[in-house]
Amino acid sequence: MQLQRLVINADSEMLARVARISGLECLPLNGSAPPPGSAVVVLRPPGGGSEDEVLNAVRSAAALGVPVVVIAGGRDPVEQALLREAALCGVPGECVLLVDAGKVVDATGAVVADALRGKGIGVVAVVRAAERALRENLVPEPALWEEGAPAGEEVLWEEGGRPGEVAAGVSAPEAPTGQPVRTDAPAQRSPVGAFFDLAGAVVAVFGVKSGVGATTVAACLTGVLADHGGFHLEVAGQPTGYVYYGGSPLQAASTGRYACFDGSRLTGDARRVGVLVADVSLTELADVAYGRAGCTVFVADGSPVSFKRVQSLLRGGWRCDVLVVNRVVPGAGYPPEVYAGEFGFSRVVGVPGGLDEEAAVNQAQHAGTLPLGRPHEGAGGEALRRPGGEGEGGEAGPQPAPPGLRRVRLRRRVLPGDGGRPGDGGLALRQGGLRLLPG
């Protein structure tokens, strides 16, 4: 499909200039779905102003289902925020442009073109990127960029610009209207804030893409942390983790080990817990979980898409304490070893994949119980007691893993802090801390 128009978070004067140089129709980004043949360009404001507005623009653009080119700019805090937001919204790293050492590069580190005047990103480079993104359907799958862009075109962003002192002929972009406003403290304005406040430690679990099994990993982690007060908080547009605790979100919440928030409705009550396992896929709360976590876990698989996403997140400044590679099969090119060798991870956990493992997970889901660790009370219809326990007060003890899954051992150490307060202390996993034992 041929590129026919650009949808840009810019004012009418900027749109007219870009249209004149590119020869394309240019429309403002207003949240409505553009016609076929469109690509969205998200500009950052000059001088790093209005960060909230440009992050909202990234979220709005990513929801439209068309190629998105994000101009992140130079190496500064705004660029880091844009890289992180783009990765969370599924924008491929190859579609995020920035200036580094006189070159226009993408978020994977590949050189796209020489920077204009040594520090600018121009119209022609962005148009070429948008054309390829549309042609190869980079929505949001990663791909390689074409290099090279002739000099002489107008600059869309220039390093060191200030509001009112931008490059000649360039106007500051105008933020889209009608979008939710990003706050500096979304946890305090959200029902999930109390969960973080009451937790002795926080482990944040992020899937680098959909379908990698991050929620299942979070449920397993909650099970093996039962002796430390593990609690599973799922923050997702359509929560699914409740199946490991009950037949419905309400039944799952009644176990006292699970709660979920879909962006508007909270199921379950905040309570004081030892370790909060925050399983977060809503982008507006991901930064909160990341900032409060003593341990950050990425969940990936062995696909090239996952590899690129991990690369983009790391380049965007994200910290990864433990990488879980799901559904792996031993052999040549063993994915955990590839990740460890390429990115220098010291804590990589490979979770076996196969028919037996999938059957075990499906069995746990249908039974409303955890795949690993200590099942919650009420799993299988009755409280599970520790062997030798007495009466109804018998404490639940470690149970065998479902068929096909091996037991997992968790070691922990508390990070320095003032008594393990979330954000200052928390949970970290030693190298080899999550270790698959012989079945």
Protein backbone atom coordinates (compact mmCIF):
# COMPACT_ATOMS: atom_id res chain seq x y z
CA MET A 1 0.00 0.00 0.00
CA GLN A 2 1.29 3.46 -0.90
CA LEU A 3 1.74 6.12 1.76
CA GLN A 4 -0.85 8.84 1.13
CA ARG A 5 -0.93 10.86 4.31
CA LEU A 6 0.78 11.57 7.61
CA VAL A 7 -1.16 12.06 10.84
CA ILE A 8 0.91 14.26 13.15
CA ASN A 9 0.49 15.75 16.62
CA ALA A 10 1.20 19.23 15.27
CA ASP A 11 -0.53 22.55 14.68
CA SER A 12 -1.89 23.69 11.32
CA GLU A 13 1.22 25.69 10.42
CA MET A 14 3.53 22.71 10.93
CA LEU A 15 1.13 20.42 9.06
CA ALA A 16 1.18 22.79 6.07
CA ARG A 17 4.98 22.88 5.99
CA VAL A 18 5.36 19.11 6.20
CA ALA A 19 2.71 18.66 3.49
CA ARG A 20 4.56 21.05 1.19
CA ILE A 21 7.91 19.27 1.63
CA SER A 22 6.63 15.69 1.59
CA GLY A 23 3.92 16.07 -1.04
CA LEU A 24 1.57 14.13 1.24
CA GLU A 25 -1.71 15.02 2.90
CA CYS A 26 -1.08 15.89 6.55
CA LEU A 27 -3.79 15.63 9.21
CA PRO A 28 -3.79 16.40 12.95
CA LEU A 29 -3.72 13.52 15.42
CA ASN A 30 -7.08 13.72 17.18
CA GLY A 31 -7.74 10.15 18.30
CA SER A 32 -9.91 9.13 15.33
CA ALA A 33 -8.86 6.24 13.08
CA PRO A 34 -7.17 7.53 9.89
CA PRO A 35 -8.05 6.21 6.41
CA PRO A 36 -6.01 3.46 4.71
CA GLY A 37 -2.61 4.58 3.46
CA SER A 38 -1.88 6.59 6.62
CA ALA A 39 1.02 6.59 9.06
CA VAL A 40 1.23 8.47 12.35
CA VAL A 41 4.23 10.63 13.28
CA VAL A 42 4.56 11.56 16.95
CA LEU A 43 6.71 14.64 17.52
CA ARG A 44 8.25 15.56 20.83
CA PRO A 45 7.95 19.20 21.89
CA PRO A 46 11.09 21.32 21.44
CA GLY A 47 13.22 21.76 24.53
CA GLY A 48 11.63 18.76 26.27
CA GLY A 49 8.43 20.57 27.35
CA SER A 50 4.96 19.01 27.68
CA GLU A 51 6.19 15.47 28.30
CA ASP A 52 2.76 14.31 29.46
CA GLU A 53 1.14 15.48 26.23
CA VAL A 54 3.58 13.72 23.93
CA LEU A 55 3.32 10.48 25.95
CA ASN A 56 -0.45 10.69 25.56
CA ALA A 57 0.12 11.14 21.83
CA VAL A 58 2.16 7.92 21.70
CA ARG A 59 -0.62 6.02 23.46
CA SER A 60 -3.26 7.51 21.19
CA ALA A 61 -1.27 6.70 18.05
CA ALA A 62 -0.50 3.13 19.09
CA ALA A 63 -4.22 2.40 19.47
CA LEU A 64 -5.07 3.35 15.87
CA GLY A 65 -3.77 0.19 14.19
CA VAL A 66 -1.51 1.94 11.67
CA PRO A 67 2.29 2.34 11.45
CA VAL A 68 3.66 4.81 14.00
CA VAL A 69 6.98 6.68 13.81
CA VAL A 70 8.02 8.25 17.12
CA ILE A 71 10.59 11.06 17.10
CA ALA A 72 12.22 10.66 20.50
CA GLY A 73 14.93 13.29 19.94
CA GLY A 74 18.19 13.42 21.90
CA ARG A 75 19.65 11.60 24.88
CA ASP A 76 17.69 13.15 27.74
CA PRO A 77 14.94 12.19 30.22
CA VAL A 78 12.16 12.96 27.70
CA GLU A 79 13.75 10.59 25.19
CA GLN A 80 13.98 7.88 27.84
CA ALA A 81 10.30 8.33 28.71
CA LEU A 82 9.35 8.16 25.02
CA LEU A 83 11.40 5.02 24.44
CA ARG A 84 9.76 3.35 27.43
CA GLU A 85 6.25 4.41 26.45
CA ALA A 86 6.76 3.32 22.83
CA ALA A 87 7.97 -0.10 23.96
CA LEU A 88 5.03 -0.50 26.33
CA CYS A 89 2.60 0.45 23.56
CA GLY A 90 4.10 -2.09 21.17
CA VAL A 91 5.82 0.36 18.82
CA PRO A 92 8.81 -1.48 17.27
CA GLY A 93 12.19 -0.13 18.28
CA GLU A 94 12.97 0.38 14.60
CA CYS A 95 10.11 2.90 14.44
CA VAL A 96 11.53 5.13 17.19
CA LEU A 97 14.00 7.74 15.92
CA LEU A 98 16.55 9.72 17.91
CA VAL A 99 19.76 11.68 17.41
CA ASP A 100 23.06 10.29 18.65
CA ALA A 101 26.57 11.54 17.79
CA GLY A 102 25.45 13.32 14.65
CA LYS A 103 23.39 10.41 13.33
CA VAL A 104 19.69 9.61 13.21
CA VAL A 105 19.39 6.16 14.78
CA ASP A 106 16.51 3.97 15.85
CA ALA A 107 15.94 2.52 19.30
CA THR A 108 17.78 -0.69 18.41
CA GLY A 109 20.93 1.34 17.69
CA ALA A 110 20.83 1.08 13.89
CA VAL A 111 21.87 4.19 11.95
CA VAL A 112 19.01 5.58 9.84
CA ALA A 113 20.66 8.69 8.37
CA ASP A 114 23.00 11.56 9.04
CA ALA A 115 21.38 14.08 11.36
CA LEU A 116 20.51 17.42 9.78
CA ARG A 117 23.05 20.01 10.85
CA GLY A 118 24.43 17.25 13.04
CA LYS A 119 21.49 17.30 15.45
CA GLY A 120 18.15 17.27 13.61
CA ILE A 121 15.60 14.74 12.30
CA GLY A 122 14.08 15.84 9.00
CA VAL A 123 10.95 15.28 6.94
CA VAL A 124 12.48 13.08 4.25
CA ALA A 125 13.95 10.61 6.77
CA VAL A 126 10.61 10.35 8.58
CA VAL A 127 8.67 9.90 5.31
CA ARG A 128 10.99 7.12 4.20
CA ALA A 129 10.56 5.42 7.56
CA ALA A 130 6.77 5.76 7.35
CA GLU A 131 6.72 4.42 3.77
CA ARG A 132 8.61 1.32 4.75
CA ALA A 133 6.54 0.83 7.89
CA LEU A 134 3.36 0.94 5.81
CA ARG A 135 4.78 -1.26 3.06
CA GLU A 136 6.01 -3.94 5.49
CA ASN A 137 3.07 -3.60 7.89
CA LEU A 138 5.16 -2.73 10.93
CA VAL A 139 2.15 -2.63 13.23
CA PRO A 140 3.86 -3.33 15.55
CA GLU A 141 6.29 -6.03 14.34
CA PRO A 142 9.95 -4.90 14.24
CA ALA A 143 11.87 -4.61 10.99
CA LEU A 144 15.07 -3.07 9.62
CA TRP A 145 15.18 0.56 8.48
CA GLU A 146 16.51 1.87 5.19
CA GLU A 147 19.48 4.11 5.74
CA GLY A 148 20.12 7.49 4.21
CA ALA A 149 18.17 10.72 3.89
CA PRO A 150 19.29 13.68 1.77
CA ALA A 151 20.07 16.89 3.58
CA GLY A 152 18.27 20.12 2.93
CA GLU A 153 14.78 19.34 4.12
CA GLU A 154 13.10 21.02 7.05
CA VAL A 155 13.95 19.86 10.57
CA LEU A 156 11.14 18.24 12.58
CA TRP A 157 13.16 18.16 15.81
CA GLU A 158 16.51 19.69 16.70
CA GLU A 159 18.66 19.03 19.77
CA GLY A 160 18.91 22.00 22.13
CA GLY A 161 15.77 23.77 20.89
CA ARG A 162 13.65 25.70 23.38
CA PRO A 163 10.01 26.74 23.27
CA GLY A 164 9.96 29.95 21.25
CA GLU A 165 13.52 29.38 20.00
CA VAL A 166 13.08 26.48 17.60
CA ALA A 167 14.69 26.17 14.18
CA ALA A 168 13.57 28.77 11.66
CA GLY A 169 10.21 28.00 10.12
CA VAL A 170 9.34 25.24 12.59
CA SER A 171 6.44 25.54 15.02
CA ALA A 172 6.04 23.69 18.28
CA PRO A 173 3.65 20.71 17.95
CA GLU A 174 0.19 20.87 19.40
CA ALA A 175 -0.94 18.01 21.63
CA PRO A 176 -4.09 16.07 20.71
CA THR A 177 -7.25 16.85 22.62
CA GLY A 178 -9.72 14.52 24.25
CA GLN A 179 -7.05 12.15 25.59
CA PRO A 180 -6.61 11.14 29.24
CA VAL A 181 -4.07 13.24 31.12
CA ARG A 182 -1.06 11.40 32.48
CA THR A 183 -0.41 12.28 36.10
CA ASP A 184 2.87 12.23 37.97
CA ALA A 185 1.44 9.84 40.56
CA PRO A 186 -1.13 7.56 38.89
CA ALA A 187 -0.91 4.98 41.70
CA GLN A 188 -2.23 7.49 44.20
CA ARG A 189 -5.14 8.29 41.85
CA SER A 190 -5.87 4.63 41.13
CA PRO A 191 -7.43 1.97 43.37
CA VAL A 192 -4.26 -0.13 43.06
CA GLY A 193 -2.11 2.40 44.93
CA ALA A 194 -3.07 0.90 48.30
CA PHE A 195 -1.76 -2.52 47.23
CA PHE A 196 1.73 -1.10 46.70
CA ASP A 197 1.57 0.90 49.93
CA LEU A 198 0.70 -2.16 52.03
CA ALA A 199 3.23 -4.56 50.49
CA GLY A 200 6.42 -5.47 52.30
CA ALA A 201 8.12 -6.02 48.94
CA VAL A 202 7.08 -5.73 45.29
CA VAL A 203 7.99 -7.94 42.33
CA ALA A 204 6.88 -6.47 38.98
CA VAL A 205 6.23 -8.94 36.15
CA PHE A 206 6.07 -7.64 32.57
CA GLY A 207 5.47 -9.61 29.39
CA VAL A 208 7.60 -8.16 26.59
CA LYS A 209 4.79 -8.99 24.15
CA SER A 210 1.38 -10.59 24.28
CA GLY A 211 1.12 -14.36 24.49
CA VAL A 212 4.37 -15.07 26.35
CA GLY A 213 2.62 -16.33 29.49
CA ALA A 214 3.49 -13.50 31.87
CA THR A 215 0.33 -14.01 33.93
CA THR A 216 1.05 -17.73 34.31
CA VAL A 217 4.59 -16.89 35.45
CA ALA A 218 3.16 -14.40 37.96
CA ALA A 219 0.77 -17.06 39.29
CA CYS A 220 3.65 -19.54 39.65
CA LEU A 221 5.71 -16.93 41.48
CA THR A 222 2.81 -16.24 43.83
CA GLY A 223 2.62 -19.94 44.60
CA VAL A 224 6.30 -20.38 45.42
CA LEU A 225 6.19 -17.21 47.54
CA ALA A 226 3.32 -18.53 49.66
CA ASP A 227 5.54 -18.81 52.75
CA HIS A 228 6.50 -15.16 52.30
CA GLY A 229 2.95 -13.84 51.91
CA GLY A 230 2.77 -13.85 48.11
CA PHE A 231 -0.20 -11.97 46.62
CA HIS A 232 -1.05 -11.73 42.90
CA LEU A 233 -2.27 -8.33 41.66
CA GLU A 234 -3.23 -8.42 37.97
CA VAL A 235 -3.58 -5.07 36.21
CA ALA A 236 -4.85 -5.70 32.69
CA GLY A 237 -7.54 -4.57 30.31
CA GLN A 238 -9.02 -8.07 30.35
CA PRO A 239 -7.75 -9.96 33.42
CA THR A 240 -7.30 -13.71 32.94
CA GLY A 241 -5.18 -14.76 35.91
CA TYR A 242 -8.22 -15.37 38.11
CA VAL A 243 -8.54 -18.85 36.52
CA TYR A 244 -5.68 -20.03 38.78
CA TYR A 245 -7.67 -19.05 41.87
CA GLY A 246 -11.33 -19.63 41.03
CA GLY A 247 -14.05 -19.69 38.43
CA SER A 248 -14.53 -15.91 38.37
CA PRO A 249 -12.62 -12.78 39.42
CA LEU A 250 -14.85 -12.46 42.49
CA GLN A 251 -14.28 -16.07 43.53
CA ALA A 252 -10.54 -15.66 42.96
CA ALA A 253 -10.45 -12.53 45.13
CA SER A 254 -12.20 -14.41 47.93
CA THR A 255 -9.08 -16.60 48.35
CA GLY A 256 -7.19 -13.61 49.75
CA ARG A 257 -4.30 -14.16 47.33
CA TYR A 258 -5.53 -12.42 44.17
CA ALA A 259 -7.03 -9.14 43.02
CA CYS A 260 -7.45 -7.57 39.59
CA PHE A 261 -7.97 -4.11 38.11
CA ASP A 262 -9.09 -3.60 34.51
CA GLY A 263 -8.57 0.15 34.39
CA SER A 264 -11.99 1.04 35.75
CA ARG A 265 -13.15 -1.72 38.10
CA LEU A 266 -11.24 -3.25 41.02
CA THR A 267 -12.06 -6.77 42.20
CA GLY A 268 -10.54 -7.63 45.57
CA ASP A 269 -9.38 -5.64 48.57
CA ALA A 270 -5.96 -4.23 49.37
CA ARG A 271 -4.36 -5.89 52.37
CA ARG A 272 -1.00 -6.05 54.07
CA VAL A 273 1.06 -8.73 52.31
CA GLY A 274 4.64 -9.92 52.40
CA VAL A 275 5.34 -9.86 48.67
CA LEU A 276 3.11 -8.25 46.05
CA VAL A 277 3.50 -9.86 42.62
CA ALA A 278 2.36 -7.04 40.33
CA ASP A 279 1.39 -8.52 36.95
CA VAL A 280 0.91 -5.34 34.91
CA SER A 281 -0.01 -4.85 31.25
CA LEU A 282 -1.92 -1.55 31.44
CA THR A 283 0.63 1.00 30.19
CA GLU A 284 -0.58 3.85 32.40
CA LEU A 285 0.32 1.89 35.54
CA ALA A 286 3.43 0.07 34.32
CA ASP A 287 5.71 2.94 35.38
CA VAL A 288 4.21 2.81 38.87
CA ALA A 289 4.86 -0.92 39.27
CA TYR A 290 8.35 -0.53 37.83
CA GLY A 291 9.20 2.33 40.18
CA ARG A 292 7.95 0.52 43.29
CA ALA A 293 9.49 -2.87 42.51
CA GLY A 294 12.50 -4.27 44.32
CA CYS A 295 12.72 -6.92 41.59
CA THR A 296 11.70 -6.54 37.93
CA VAL A 297 10.94 -9.68 35.91
CA PHE A 298 10.64 -9.72 32.12
CA VAL A 299 8.84 -12.66 30.51
CA ALA A 300 9.78 -13.47 26.91
CA ASP A 301 9.92 -16.45 24.58
CA GLY A 302 12.41 -17.57 21.96
CA SER A 303 10.87 -15.67 19.04
CA PRO A 304 12.74 -12.93 17.13
CA VAL A 305 9.96 -10.50 18.10
CA SER A 306 10.58 -11.12 21.81
CA PHE A 307 14.32 -10.74 21.30
CA LYS A 308 13.81 -7.35 19.65
CA ARG A 309 11.39 -6.24 22.36
CA VAL A 310 13.87 -7.10 25.11
CA GLN A 311 16.55 -5.22 23.20
CA SER A 312 14.32 -2.15 22.87
CA LEU A 313 13.34 -2.17 26.54
CA LEU A 314 16.95 -2.38 27.67
CA ARG A 315 17.99 0.41 25.31
CA GLY A 316 15.08 2.42 26.70
CA GLY A 317 16.62 2.29 30.16
CA TRP A 318 14.49 -0.46 31.75
CA ARG A 319 16.06 -2.54 34.50
CA CYS A 320 15.63 -6.31 34.29
CA ASP A 321 16.63 -8.28 37.38
CA VAL A 322 15.38 -11.64 36.10
CA LEU A 323 14.53 -12.72 32.55
CA VAL A 324 12.11 -15.64 32.25
CA VAL A 325 12.17 -17.32 28.83
CA ASN A 326 8.98 -19.32 28.50
CA ARG A 327 8.27 -22.45 26.45
CA VAL A 328 11.84 -23.35 25.58
CA VAL A 329 13.16 -26.63 24.20
CA PRO A 330 16.80 -27.58 24.96
CA GLY A 331 19.13 -27.86 22.01
CA ALA A 332 21.22 -25.77 19.66
CA GLY A 333 20.45 -22.08 19.99
CA TYR A 334 18.91 -22.58 23.43
CA PRO A 335 17.07 -19.24 23.93
CA PRO A 336 18.09 -18.58 27.58
CA GLU A 337 21.74 -18.94 26.60
CA VAL A 338 21.24 -16.67 23.59
CA TYR A 339 19.65 -13.96 25.76
CA ALA A 340 22.38 -14.29 28.40
CA GLY A 341 25.16 -14.10 25.83
CA GLU A 342 23.72 -11.21 23.84
CA PHE A 343 22.60 -8.97 26.71
CA GLY A 344 24.83 -10.10 29.57
CA PHE A 345 21.98 -11.29 31.81
CA SER A 346 23.19 -13.10 34.92
CA ARG A 347 19.71 -14.24 35.95
CA VAL A 348 17.91 -16.08 33.14
CA VAL A 349 15.29 -18.75 33.83
CA GLY A 350 14.26 -21.17 31.10
CA VAL A 351 10.77 -22.64 31.49
CA PRO A 352 10.36 -25.88 29.52
CA GLY A 353 7.78 -25.98 26.77
CA GLY A 354 5.95 -28.98 25.39
CA LEU A 355 2.71 -30.89 25.39
CA ASP A 356 3.11 -32.08 28.99
CA GLU A 357 3.73 -28.55 30.27
CA GLU A 358 0.79 -27.10 28.33
CA ALA A 359 -1.44 -29.89 29.62
CA ALA A 360 -0.35 -29.17 33.19
CA VAL A 361 -1.11 -25.46 32.84
CA ASN A 362 -4.51 -26.22 31.30
CA GLN A 363 -5.25 -28.63 34.14
CA ALA A 364 -4.38 -25.97 36.72
CA GLN A 365 -6.62 -23.43 34.98
CA HIS A 366 -9.59 -25.79 34.88
CA ALA A 367 -9.04 -26.79 38.51
CA GLY A 368 -8.71 -23.18 39.68
CA THR A 369 -5.36 -23.84 41.32
CA LEU A 370 -1.80 -22.57 40.97
CA PRO A 371 0.55 -24.38 38.55
CA LEU A 372 3.44 -24.29 41.05
CA GLY A 373 3.96 -23.74 44.75
CA ARG A 374 1.39 -23.97 47.51
CA PRO A 375 -2.21 -23.95 46.25
CA HIS A 376 -4.55 -21.48 47.90
CA GLU A 377 -7.08 -22.68 50.42
CA GLY A 378 -10.20 -23.83 48.65
CA ALA A 379 -8.38 -25.11 45.57
CA GLY A 380 -10.04 -28.26 44.38
CA GLY A 381 -13.01 -27.55 46.64
CA GLU A 382 -11.41 -27.92 50.08
CA ALA A 383 -8.63 -26.45 52.21
CA LEU A 384 -5.30 -28.14 51.74
CA ARG A 385 -3.56 -28.93 55.02
CA ARG A 386 0.06 -29.50 55.81
CA PRO A 387 0.68 -33.22 56.40
CA GLY A 388 0.28 -33.89 60.11
CA GLY A 389 -1.77 -30.73 60.64
CA GLU A 390 -4.61 -30.86 63.10
CA GLY A 391 -8.25 -30.10 62.47
CA GLU A 392 -9.63 -27.26 60.43
CA GLY A 393 -6.78 -25.02 61.50
CA GLY A 394 -4.17 -27.17 59.77
CA GLU A 395 -1.88 -25.00 57.71
CA ALA A 396 -1.64 -25.58 53.99
CA GLY A 397 1.65 -27.20 53.08
CA PRO A 398 3.70 -27.56 49.90
CA GLN A 399 1.91 -29.66 47.33
CA PRO A 400 3.20 -31.63 44.35
CA ALA A 401 3.27 -29.74 41.06
CA PRO A 402 0.73 -30.80 38.44
CA PRO A 403 1.93 -33.55 36.04
CA GLY A 404 4.47 -32.29 33.54
CA LEU A 405 5.79 -29.45 35.68
CA ARG A 406 8.77 -29.63 37.99
CA ARG A 407 9.01 -27.95 41.38
CA VAL A 408 10.64 -24.54 41.47
CA ARG A 409 12.82 -23.34 44.33
CA LEU A 410 13.03 -19.64 45.11
CA ARG A 411 15.83 -18.01 47.03
CA ARG A 412 15.54 -14.43 48.08
CA ARG A 413 17.52 -11.63 49.57
CA VAL A 414 16.19 -8.31 50.81
CA LEU A 415 17.69 -5.28 49.13
CA PRO A 416 19.12 -2.50 51.31
CA GLY A 417 16.42 -0.19 52.59
CA ASP A 418 14.54 0.95 55.63
CA GLY A 419 12.74 -2.20 56.67
CA GLY A 420 11.72 -3.30 53.20
CA ARG A 421 9.46 -0.37 52.43
CA PRO A 422 8.26 -0.60 48.81
CA GLY A 423 10.51 1.43 46.57
CA ASP A 424 13.45 1.33 49.00
CA GLY A 425 13.75 -2.39 49.60
CA GLY A 426 12.03 -5.38 48.14
CA LEU A 427 12.75 -8.76 46.65
CA ALA A 428 15.61 -9.75 44.41
CA LEU A 429 16.40 -13.14 42.96
CA ARG A 430 19.89 -14.54 43.23
CA GLN A 431 21.59 -16.00 40.20
CA GLY A 432 20.09 -19.45 39.90
CA GLY A 433 17.47 -18.44 42.47
CA LEU A 434 14.63 -19.73 40.33
CA ARG A 435 15.96 -23.19 39.66
CA LEU A 436 14.27 -26.10 37.98
CA LEU A 437 14.87 -29.24 40.02
CA PRO A 438 14.97 -32.78 38.67
CA GLY A 439 11.45 -34.12 38.41
